[in-house]
C-alpha cells in the first residue's frame, strides 16, 4: 500500500480536534496523528489519492511532491474533493509510465481493478471471530449471490490475514479477498461529542470504491448485519431493478435471550432469538458506482450528494447485538424477554448444517443449509408481512 505520513513530508503531527474532557479513555491510541496519504489507486484512467482531511499546508505538500510522468501533480488538471472526515485528489490521465511520491517510486495494486466484479459485498473488520465471518460470508453468498466478497482488515491481532484468507477459501464458495488496511481507526463520539476523527472507516470505503470497476454495485454491511428480503431475492437484483444510484434500508436489532445464552459456549448469529420490534438502526445501503460522481463520498450510513436515491421499506437488515468484540461498549450480554417489544424468532434453519453451537474454535461448517427459504416463509412470515406494508 502506498501510504505516507506527515513525517515523510516533514510536517508536524495532526492536532486532535476534541478537547481533553470529551476524549475517550484510549483516545491517544486510536486517534490518527500521522497519516498523510492512505493510498493512491490507478483505475480506469483515473488516479485517486485518498487522504484524511488535510490542512492547506498538508495539501500543498502532497501536490508538490507527487511526480507523474516527470511532471508535478500540480501541473495537471486535478480536482480536490473534501467532505467531513474525508478527502480525495483525482487526476484523469490516460497513461502513467512512472510515478513518485516524496521521491519514492510507486507501483499500483491491480488485484481488484483487473477483476470483472459486478456485485461486490464489502466490510471493514478487526478481530471478529473467524466463525462469525464465515457464517456471514456464506449467508450472503447463498442469499444475495455477490460475485466477490472483499474484507478490509484493520489491524487484527488474533489471527493473520493469511489465516483468515485460508479459512474463507476453505469454507466459503464465493471468491473472497482479504486486504490489510493497517491504519488507526480513529476516535468516535464520546460523552456527547461528535464523530469528527474516524478517518479510517471512511477512507476504506473510498479505497474499495475506487479499487473495483466503476460498473460494480457495492453492498456495505458489517459482520453483525444480515440483510433480509422477501422470497430469497438478492439485494443486488432488487437494487438493480430500482434503477437508483443508492438503495437505502434500515435495520432492527436482534438479541440472545438470557435462557439461550446460558445454553451455549460460543456466540453465533443463529443463537439470536429476540427481535426488538421497536428498534430502528441507521440506514445501510447498496450503491451503483456507475451512477455517482467523484464529489460523492461513501460514508458508513450514506452516500453524500448522490442523486436519485431511494429509501426502501421492503428490505431491512438484522443487527446481531452479540456479534461483537470490538466496540466502545460491551455487547456480550443477554436480555430478558419482554412481550411488549420482543418477537421470538428462530434463526437456526439459516445455519442448521453449521457447526454445533456448543463447540468452538477450528471447526467450521462445510455446508451451509439453504433451508432458510422455508425459514423466511414460515418462521418469519409475519415479520416479512410487516416489512412489506
Protein backbone atom coordinates (compact mmCIF):
# COMPACT_ATOMS: atom_id res chain seq x y z
CA UNK A 1 0.00 0.00 0.00
CA UNK A 2 1.35 3.40 -0.99
CA UNK A 3 0.89 5.20 2.31
CA UNK A 4 2.74 8.22 3.64
CA UNK A 5 2.86 10.03 6.96
CA UNK A 6 3.17 13.67 7.92
CA UNK A 7 6.72 12.83 8.98
CA UNK A 8 7.51 11.88 5.37
CA UNK A 9 6.57 15.45 4.46
CA UNK A 10 8.49 17.00 7.37
CA UNK A 11 5.20 18.30 8.75
CA UNK A 12 4.01 18.40 12.38
CA UNK A 13 1.67 15.70 13.65
CA UNK A 14 -2.09 16.21 13.43
CA UNK A 15 -3.74 18.10 16.29
CA UNK A 16 -6.70 16.25 17.86
CA UNK A 17 -9.95 18.22 17.40
CA UNK A 18 -11.66 17.10 20.61
CA UNK A 19 -10.99 18.81 23.97
CA UNK A 20 -9.48 16.63 26.68
CA UNK A 21 -12.71 16.31 28.67
CA UNK A 22 -14.54 14.81 25.68
CA UNK A 23 -11.93 12.25 24.69
CA UNK A 24 -12.47 8.54 25.23
CA UNK A 25 -10.03 6.72 27.51
CA UNK A 26 -7.88 5.29 24.71
CA UNK A 27 -8.05 8.41 22.54
CA UNK A 28 -4.28 8.71 22.07
CA UNK A 29 -4.08 5.06 20.98
CA UNK A 30 -6.83 5.26 18.35
CA UNK A 31 -6.52 8.81 17.00
CA UNK A 32 -4.54 9.02 13.75
CA UNK A 33 -1.87 11.64 14.37
CA UNK A 34 0.31 10.71 11.40
CA UNK A 35 -1.37 9.60 8.17
CA UNK A 36 -0.97 11.96 5.25
CA UNK A 37 -1.86 9.60 2.38
CA UNK A 38 -3.67 6.29 2.81
CA UNK A 39 -3.01 5.06 -0.70
CA UNK A 40 -3.08 6.02 -4.36
CA UNK A 41 -5.07 3.99 -6.88
CA UNK A 42 -4.94 3.98 -10.67
CA UNK A 43 -8.07 2.54 -12.24
CA UNK A 44 -9.94 3.22 -15.48
CA UNK A 45 -7.61 6.09 -16.43
CA UNK A 46 -8.12 7.84 -13.11
CA UNK A 47 -5.51 8.44 -10.41
CA UNK A 48 -7.07 8.73 -6.95
CA UNK A 49 -5.10 9.79 -3.89
CA UNK A 50 -7.01 9.07 -0.68
CA UNK A 51 -6.21 11.17 2.36
CA UNK A 52 -7.65 12.29 5.68
CA UNK A 53 -8.97 15.87 5.61
CA UNK A 54 -5.83 17.93 5.02
CA UNK A 55 -4.91 21.44 6.01
CA UNK A 56 -3.84 23.86 3.28
CA UNK A 57 -0.18 23.29 4.13
CA UNK A 58 -0.60 19.50 4.08
CA UNK A 59 -2.44 19.57 0.77
CA UNK A 60 0.22 21.79 -0.78
CA UNK A 61 2.89 19.36 0.39
CA UNK A 62 1.13 16.50 -1.42
CA UNK A 63 0.56 18.46 -4.63
CA UNK A 64 4.21 19.45 -4.78
CA UNK A 65 5.62 16.01 -4.01
CA UNK A 66 3.68 13.77 -6.39
CA UNK A 67 5.51 13.43 -9.72
CA UNK A 68 3.62 11.76 -12.58
CA UNK A 69 5.47 11.07 -15.83
CA UNK A 70 8.17 13.55 -14.69
CA UNK A 71 5.66 16.33 -14.06
CA UNK A 72 4.38 17.59 -10.71
CA UNK A 73 0.79 16.69 -9.92
CA UNK A 74 0.11 20.42 -9.61
CA UNK A 75 0.93 20.69 -13.34
CA UNK A 76 -2.06 18.53 -14.21
CA UNK A 77 -5.74 19.37 -14.24
CA UNK A 78 -6.50 17.85 -10.85
CA UNK A 79 -9.53 18.08 -8.56
CA UNK A 80 -9.70 18.01 -4.77
CA UNK A 81 -12.91 16.72 -3.20
CA UNK A 82 -13.40 17.31 0.50
CA UNK A 83 -16.06 16.21 2.94
CA UNK A 84 -16.30 15.86 6.67
CA UNK A 85 -13.53 13.41 7.69
CA UNK A 86 -12.56 12.54 4.12
CA UNK A 87 -10.67 13.86 1.10
CA UNK A 88 -9.60 12.68 -2.35
CA UNK A 89 -7.34 14.14 -5.01
CA UNK A 90 -8.24 12.99 -8.52
CA UNK A 91 -6.39 13.30 -11.82
CA UNK A 92 -7.79 11.96 -15.09
CA UNK A 93 -4.80 10.71 -17.04
CA UNK A 94 -4.68 8.28 -19.97
CA UNK A 95 -1.44 6.58 -19.05
CA UNK A 96 1.03 6.57 -16.17
CA UNK A 97 4.53 5.50 -17.13
CA UNK A 98 6.03 6.27 -13.74
CA UNK A 99 5.03 7.98 -10.54
CA UNK A 100 6.91 9.06 -7.42
CA UNK A 101 5.56 10.40 -4.15
CA UNK A 102 8.03 12.09 -1.82
CA UNK A 103 10.75 10.62 -4.09
CA UNK A 104 9.53 7.06 -3.54
CA UNK A 105 8.66 5.07 -6.71
CA UNK A 106 5.07 3.85 -6.67
CA UNK A 107 3.57 0.62 -8.00
CA UNK A 108 -0.16 0.01 -8.08
CA UNK A 109 -2.02 -2.99 -6.68
CA UNK A 110 -4.19 -4.14 -9.60
CA UNK A 111 -5.65 -7.22 -7.88
CA UNK A 112 -9.14 -5.72 -7.76
CA UNK A 113 -9.10 -3.39 -10.75
CA UNK A 114 -8.49 -6.30 -13.12
CA UNK A 115 -11.48 -8.32 -11.93
CA UNK A 116 -14.89 -8.18 -13.59
CA UNK A 117 -16.88 -7.63 -10.41
CA UNK A 118 -20.50 -6.61 -10.93
CA UNK A 119 -21.79 -7.42 -7.42
CA UNK A 120 -19.45 -6.74 -4.52
CA UNK A 121 -20.02 -7.32 -0.80
CA UNK A 122 -17.70 -5.27 1.40
CA UNK A 123 -16.88 -4.90 5.08
CA UNK A 124 -14.16 -3.47 7.31
CA UNK A 125 -13.39 -5.58 10.36
CA UNK A 126 -10.97 -6.20 13.22
CA UNK A 127 -10.63 -9.40 15.25
CA UNK A 128 -14.12 -10.71 14.59
CA UNK A 129 -14.30 -14.43 15.29
CA UNK A 130 -13.42 -16.30 12.08
CA UNK A 131 -16.54 -18.44 12.51
CA UNK A 132 -18.68 -15.28 12.50
CA UNK A 133 -17.03 -14.12 9.29
CA UNK A 134 -17.56 -17.50 7.63
CA UNK A 135 -21.24 -17.57 8.69
CA UNK A 136 -21.68 -14.01 7.41
CA UNK A 137 -19.98 -14.70 4.07
CA UNK A 138 -21.90 -17.93 3.47
CA UNK A 139 -25.19 -16.28 4.30
CA UNK A 140 -24.63 -13.51 1.79
CA UNK A 141 -23.30 -15.83 -0.88
CA UNK A 142 -26.28 -18.20 -0.68
CA UNK A 143 -28.89 -15.49 -0.25
CA UNK A 144 -27.65 -12.48 -2.21
CA UNK A 145 -25.12 -14.05 -4.65
CA UNK A 146 -22.31 -11.48 -4.72
CA UNK A 147 -19.63 -12.15 -7.34
CA UNK A 148 -16.92 -11.04 -4.93
CA UNK A 149 -16.58 -10.57 -1.17
CA UNK A 150 -13.96 -8.04 -0.06
CA UNK A 151 -12.90 -7.81 3.58
CA UNK A 152 -10.63 -5.00 4.72
CA UNK A 153 -8.81 -6.00 7.88
CA UNK A 154 -7.98 -3.18 10.28
CA UNK A 155 -5.03 -4.45 12.33
CA UNK A 156 -6.42 -7.74 13.62
CA UNK A 157 -4.03 -9.35 16.10
CA UNK A 158 -5.97 -12.54 16.93
CA UNK A 159 -5.09 -14.10 13.57
CA UNK A 160 -3.18 -13.18 10.43
CA UNK A 161 -4.52 -12.02 7.07
CA UNK A 162 -3.35 -15.29 5.54
CA UNK A 163 -5.17 -17.35 8.20
CA UNK A 164 -8.43 -15.53 7.56
CA UNK A 165 -7.96 -15.81 3.79
CA UNK A 166 -7.29 -19.55 4.06
CA UNK A 167 -10.39 -20.15 6.19
CA UNK A 168 -12.60 -18.28 3.72
CA UNK A 169 -11.15 -20.16 0.77
CA UNK A 170 -11.84 -23.46 2.51
CA UNK A 171 -15.34 -22.85 3.81
CA UNK A 172 -16.91 -20.22 1.52
CA UNK A 173 -17.68 -20.94 -2.13
CA UNK A 174 -17.73 -17.30 -3.19
CA UNK A 175 -14.48 -15.63 -4.23
CA UNK A 176 -13.16 -13.75 -1.18
CA UNK A 177 -10.31 -11.28 -0.92
CA UNK A 178 -8.89 -10.10 2.42
CA UNK A 179 -6.84 -6.92 2.29
CA UNK A 180 -4.93 -5.19 5.04
CA UNK A 181 -5.94 -1.62 5.85
CA UNK A 182 -3.43 -1.03 8.65
CA UNK A 183 -4.29 2.43 9.94
CA UNK A 184 -5.52 3.73 13.26
CA UNK A 185 -9.29 3.54 13.24
CA UNK A 186 -9.78 6.96 14.83
CA UNK A 187 -11.79 8.23 17.75
CA UNK A 188 -15.58 8.19 17.80
CA UNK A 189 -18.16 10.21 19.64
CA UNK A 190 -17.80 10.14 23.43
CA UNK A 191 -19.87 11.79 26.17
CA UNK A 192 -21.92 13.68 23.62
CA UNK A 193 -19.03 14.74 21.38
CA UNK A 194 -19.35 14.45 17.62
CA UNK A 195 -17.77 11.80 15.42
CA UNK A 196 -15.06 14.00 13.95
CA UNK A 197 -11.96 11.85 13.51
CA UNK A 198 -12.89 8.29 12.49
CA UNK A 199 -11.00 8.82 9.24
CA UNK A 200 -10.02 5.19 8.65
CA UNK A 201 -13.51 3.75 8.13
CA UNK A 202 -14.42 6.43 5.62
CA UNK A 203 -11.08 6.20 3.81
CA UNK A 204 -11.52 2.43 3.48
CA UNK A 205 -14.89 2.96 1.78
CA UNK A 206 -13.33 5.33 -0.75
CA UNK A 207 -10.49 2.87 -1.22
CA UNK A 208 -12.70 -0.07 -2.11
CA UNK A 209 -14.92 2.13 -4.27
CA UNK A 210 -12.05 3.27 -6.49
CA UNK A 211 -10.30 -0.12 -6.45
CA UNK A 212 -13.15 -2.01 -8.13
CA UNK A 213 -14.72 -1.40 -11.52
CA UNK A 214 -16.96 1.63 -11.90
CA UNK A 215 -19.70 -0.65 -13.24
CA UNK A 216 -19.92 -2.52 -9.93
CA UNK A 217 -22.65 -2.40 -7.31
CA UNK A 218 -21.26 -2.28 -3.77
CA UNK A 219 -23.10 -3.54 -0.69
CA UNK A 220 -21.71 -2.09 2.54
CA UNK A 221 -22.61 -4.07 5.69
CA UNK A 222 -20.83 -5.17 8.87
CA UNK A 223 -20.17 -8.70 10.13
CA UNK A 224 -23.01 -8.29 12.65
CA UNK A 225 -25.54 -7.29 9.95
CA UNK A 226 -27.57 -9.63 7.73
CA UNK A 227 -29.90 -8.25 5.05
CA UNK A 228 -33.27 -9.99 4.73
CA UNK A 229 -35.60 -9.81 1.73
CA UNK A 230 -38.79 -11.48 0.55
CA UNK A 231 -38.66 -14.84 -1.25
CA UNK A 232 -34.87 -15.04 -1.13
CA UNK A 233 -34.48 -12.20 -3.62
CA UNK A 234 -30.96 -10.89 -3.88
CA UNK A 235 -30.49 -7.33 -2.66
CA UNK A 236 -28.32 -6.80 -5.74
CA UNK A 237 -31.23 -7.73 -8.01
CA UNK A 238 -33.69 -5.59 -6.04
CA UNK A 239 -31.40 -2.57 -6.19
CA UNK A 240 -30.70 -3.06 -9.89
CA UNK A 241 -34.41 -3.23 -10.67
CA UNK A 242 -34.97 0.04 -8.80
CA UNK A 243 -32.52 1.73 -11.18
CA UNK A 244 -31.49 4.14 -8.42
CA UNK A 245 -27.99 5.25 -7.57
CA UNK A 246 -28.29 4.32 -3.89
CA UNK A 247 -30.75 1.89 -2.35
CA UNK A 248 -31.10 2.52 1.40
CA UNK A 249 -32.64 0.23 4.01
CA UNK A 250 -32.92 0.40 7.79
CA UNK A 251 -32.12 -2.16 10.45
CA UNK A 252 -33.56 -3.75 13.58
CA UNK A 253 -31.74 -5.34 16.48
CA UNK A 254 -31.83 -8.98 17.49
CA UNK A 255 -30.55 -10.28 20.82
CA UNK A 256 -29.81 -13.52 22.58
CA UNK A 257 -32.31 -14.24 25.32
CA UNK A 258 -30.87 -14.99 28.75
CA UNK A 259 -32.03 -18.61 28.78
CA UNK A 260 -30.46 -19.16 25.35
CA UNK A 261 -27.17 -17.53 26.30
CA UNK A 262 -26.84 -19.91 29.23
CA UNK A 263 -27.00 -22.91 26.89
CA UNK A 264 -24.08 -22.09 24.62
CA UNK A 265 -20.36 -21.70 24.96
CA UNK A 266 -19.80 -19.67 21.80
CA UNK A 267 -21.90 -16.82 20.46
CA UNK A 268 -23.14 -17.19 16.87
CA UNK A 269 -25.66 -15.44 14.67
CA UNK A 270 -28.01 -18.39 14.97
CA UNK A 271 -28.39 -18.09 18.74
CA UNK A 272 -30.04 -14.68 18.42
CA UNK A 273 -33.72 -15.27 19.07
CA UNK A 274 -35.27 -11.97 20.20
CA UNK A 275 -36.22 -9.38 17.59
CA UNK A 276 -36.68 -5.89 19.03
CA UNK A 277 -39.81 -4.60 17.30
CA UNK A 278 -39.20 -1.02 18.42
CA UNK A 279 -35.58 -0.73 17.36
CA UNK A 280 -34.62 1.22 14.26
CA UNK A 281 -30.99 1.32 13.18
CA UNK A 282 -29.49 3.84 10.72
CA UNK A 283 -29.53 3.21 7.01
CA UNK A 284 -27.14 0.87 5.27
CA UNK A 285 -27.03 0.80 1.52
CA UNK A 286 -26.10 -0.72 -1.79
CA UNK A 287 -24.66 1.75 -4.31
CA UNK A 288 -24.37 1.57 -8.09
CA UNK A 289 -20.93 3.10 -8.60
CA UNK A 290 -21.70 3.98 -12.23
CA UNK A 291 -24.46 6.32 -11.04
CA UNK A 292 -22.47 8.51 -8.63
CA UNK A 293 -19.83 11.14 -9.33
CA UNK A 294 -16.47 11.88 -7.75
CA UNK A 295 -17.94 14.56 -5.50
CA UNK A 296 -20.00 11.87 -3.76
CA UNK A 297 -18.39 10.14 -0.79
CA UNK A 298 -19.24 6.78 0.70
CA UNK A 299 -19.88 7.00 4.44
CA UNK A 300 -20.97 4.14 6.72
CA UNK A 301 -24.65 5.12 6.55
CA UNK A 302 -24.97 7.34 3.49
CA UNK A 303 -23.55 8.30 0.14
CA UNK A 304 -23.18 12.07 0.12
CA UNK A 305 -24.53 14.17 -2.75
CA UNK A 306 -25.94 11.15 -4.58
CA UNK A 307 -28.87 11.81 -6.88
CA UNK A 308 -31.96 9.67 -7.47
CA UNK A 309 -31.77 7.59 -4.29
CA UNK A 310 -34.48 5.51 -2.63
CA UNK A 311 -35.22 4.53 0.98
CA UNK A 312 -36.89 1.15 0.98
CA UNK A 313 -39.38 -0.22 3.46
CA UNK A 314 -39.35 -3.61 1.74
CA UNK A 315 -35.84 -4.60 2.77
CA UNK A 316 -34.14 -4.43 6.15
CA UNK A 317 -31.08 -5.73 7.90
CA UNK A 318 -30.92 -7.51 11.23
CA UNK A 319 -28.31 -6.14 13.62
CA UNK A 320 -26.93 -9.01 15.71
CA UNK A 321 -26.14 -7.35 19.01
CA UNK A 322 -23.95 -10.11 20.44
CA UNK A 323 -21.72 -10.45 17.37
CA UNK A 324 -19.08 -8.02 18.51
CA UNK A 325 -15.78 -7.88 20.33
CA UNK A 326 -14.50 -4.54 19.13
CA UNK A 327 -16.86 -1.78 20.17
CA UNK A 328 -16.74 1.02 22.71
CA UNK A 329 -19.28 -0.67 24.97
CA UNK A 330 -19.90 -4.29 25.91
CA UNK A 331 -22.41 -6.14 23.76
CA UNK A 332 -21.51 -9.58 25.04
CA UNK A 333 -24.60 -9.74 27.23
CA UNK A 334 -28.12 -11.11 27.15
CA UNK A 335 -31.58 -9.72 27.82
CA UNK A 336 -34.86 -10.87 29.27
CA UNK A 337 -37.89 -11.39 27.05
CA UNK A 338 -40.38 -8.51 27.04
CA UNK A 339 -43.61 -9.38 25.22
CA UNK A 340 -44.32 -5.70 24.52
CA UNK A 341 -41.24 -5.14 22.37
CA UNK A 342 -39.77 -8.54 21.52
CA UNK A 343 -40.74 -11.16 18.98
CA UNK A 344 -39.23 -14.61 19.42
CA UNK A 345 -37.70 -15.86 16.19
CA UNK A 346 -35.66 -18.89 15.20
CA UNK A 347 -32.53 -18.39 13.13
CA UNK A 348 -31.30 -21.98 13.35
CA UNK A 349 -32.67 -23.00 9.93
CA UNK A 350 -30.33 -20.41 8.45
CA UNK A 351 -27.34 -22.34 9.72
CA UNK A 352 -28.69 -25.75 10.67
CA UNK A 353 -25.82 -27.55 8.97
CA UNK A 354 -23.22 -25.33 10.58
CA UNK A 355 -21.01 -26.44 13.43
CA UNK A 356 -22.57 -27.46 16.70
CA UNK A 357 -23.10 -24.13 18.53
CA UNK A 358 -21.84 -25.66 21.78
CA UNK A 359 -18.37 -26.18 20.32
CA UNK A 360 -15.88 -23.63 19.14
CA UNK A 361 -12.51 -22.99 17.52
CA UNK A 362 -11.04 -24.53 14.37
CA UNK A 363 -14.19 -26.43 13.31
CA UNK A 364 -16.09 -24.73 10.50
CA UNK A 365 -19.18 -25.75 8.59
CA UNK A 366 -18.51 -27.48 5.29
CA UNK A 367 -22.02 -26.77 4.05
CA UNK A 368 -24.50 -24.06 4.92
CA UNK A 369 -28.10 -25.12 4.55
CA UNK A 370 -30.35 -23.36 2.03
CA UNK A 371 -33.39 -24.15 4.12
CA UNK A 372 -33.64 -20.53 5.13
CA UNK A 373 -36.12 -20.25 2.23
CA UNK A 374 -38.55 -22.24 4.38
CA UNK A 375 -37.43 -20.23 7.37
CA UNK A 376 -38.47 -16.96 5.78
CA UNK A 377 -41.81 -18.24 4.59
CA UNK A 378 -42.75 -19.81 7.92
CA UNK A 379 -40.83 -18.62 10.98
CA UNK A 380 -40.61 -15.03 9.78
CA UNK A 381 -43.79 -14.79 7.69
CA UNK A 382 -45.47 -12.29 9.99
CA UNK A 383 -42.33 -10.21 10.21
CA UNK A 384 -41.94 -10.05 6.43
CA UNK A 385 -45.58 -9.01 6.04
CA UNK A 386 -44.92 -6.09 8.39
CA UNK A 387 -41.90 -5.03 6.36
CA UNK A 388 -43.90 -5.08 3.13
CA UNK A 389 -46.76 -2.94 4.39
